[in-house]
Amino acid sequence: MKVLKYNVIFRSEPEGGFTATVPTLPGCITYGKDLTTAQTMVKDAIGGYVQSLKKHRKPVPTDDASFITFVDLTYAEATLVHA
């Protein structure tokens, strides 16, 4: 079985819970009351999305060659970059 890899952005919501967005799959967005639930929900959403693509004989994109990371930057460094 082939493993499909996707970058997922989890955003904490002000009213609680997390929204999960899959940038490579436009419109693939879900929500969970906590991070664990959001992770489960996004796997289900991706699965449904991929099934729909296959049903309609469309290519299935993946994020095999990309990743998301954080870059820390102090305010002083930011002002130097734009000076």
Protein backbone atom coordinates (compact mmCIF):
# COMPACT_ATOMS: atom_id res chain seq x y z
CA MET A 1 0.00 0.00 0.00
CA LYS A 2 1.37 3.41 -1.00
CA VAL A 3 1.70 6.01 1.75
CA LEU A 4 0.54 9.47 0.71
CA LYS A 5 2.13 12.43 2.51
CA TYR A 6 0.49 15.80 3.01
CA ASN A 7 1.44 18.95 4.87
CA VAL A 8 -1.37 19.93 7.22
CA ILE A 9 -1.72 23.30 8.93
CA PHE A 10 -3.41 23.17 12.34
CA ARG A 11 -4.74 26.45 13.69
CA SER A 12 -5.99 26.92 17.23
CA GLU A 13 -9.42 28.55 17.17
CA PRO A 14 -10.37 31.33 19.64
CA GLU A 15 -13.58 29.53 20.64
CA GLY A 16 -11.63 26.29 21.16
CA GLY A 17 -10.58 23.38 19.03
CA PHE A 18 -8.43 23.25 15.93
CA THR A 19 -9.00 23.82 12.23
CA ALA A 20 -6.91 21.61 9.93
CA THR A 21 -6.18 22.71 6.35
CA VAL A 22 -4.40 20.73 3.61
CA PRO A 23 -2.95 23.34 1.20
CA THR A 24 -2.21 20.82 -1.58
CA LEU A 25 -5.88 19.75 -1.66
CA PRO A 26 -7.95 22.92 -2.21
CA GLY A 27 -11.02 22.98 0.02
CA CYS A 28 -9.79 20.13 2.22
CA ILE A 29 -10.49 21.70 5.61
CA THR A 30 -11.84 20.16 8.80
CA TYR A 31 -12.19 20.84 12.51
CA GLY A 32 -11.67 18.95 15.76
CA LYS A 33 -12.54 19.83 19.35
CA ASP A 34 -8.92 19.03 20.28
CA LEU A 35 -5.68 18.35 18.38
CA THR A 36 -6.09 14.57 18.47
CA THR A 37 -9.61 14.80 17.05
CA ALA A 38 -8.48 17.30 14.39
CA GLN A 39 -5.69 14.89 13.35
CA THR A 40 -8.20 12.04 13.02
CA MET A 41 -10.67 14.23 11.14
CA VAL A 42 -8.07 15.49 8.65
CA LYS A 43 -7.01 11.92 7.81
CA ASP A 44 -10.65 11.15 7.06
CA ALA A 45 -11.03 14.34 5.00
CA ILE A 46 -7.89 13.55 2.98
CA GLY A 47 -9.13 10.00 2.38
CA GLY A 48 -12.47 11.25 1.06
CA TYR A 49 -10.78 13.86 -1.10
CA VAL A 50 -8.40 11.31 -2.64
CA GLN A 51 -11.27 8.87 -3.25
CA SER A 52 -13.17 11.59 -5.11
CA LEU A 53 -10.13 12.43 -7.25
CA LYS A 54 -9.66 8.77 -8.17
CA LYS A 55 -13.38 8.32 -8.91
CA HIS A 56 -13.23 11.24 -11.33
CA ARG A 57 -9.92 9.99 -12.81
CA LYS A 58 -8.02 13.08 -11.71
CA PRO A 59 -4.37 13.08 -10.62
CA VAL A 60 -3.73 12.74 -6.89
CA PRO A 61 -1.18 15.35 -5.75
CA THR A 62 1.05 14.76 -2.72
CA ASP A 63 3.58 16.70 -0.66
CA ASP A 64 6.32 14.05 -0.84
CA ALA A 65 9.06 16.57 -1.61
CA SER A 66 8.08 19.47 0.64
CA PHE A 67 7.77 20.24 4.32
CA ILE A 68 6.76 23.06 6.63
CA THR A 69 8.94 24.35 9.45
CA PHE A 70 9.20 27.32 11.77
CA VAL A 71 11.84 30.03 11.43
CA ASP A 72 12.48 32.15 14.51
CA LEU A 73 13.28 35.80 13.88
CA THR A 74 13.70 38.55 16.44
CA TYR A 75 12.22 41.97 15.81
CA ALA A 76 15.75 43.46 15.56
CA GLU A 77 16.65 40.95 12.84
CA ALA A 78 13.44 41.72 10.96
CA THR A 79 14.19 45.44 10.87
CA LEU A 80 17.70 44.74 9.54
CA VAL A 81 16.34 42.65 6.69
CA HIS A 82 14.16 45.50 5.46
CA ALA A 83 16.66 48.32 6.11
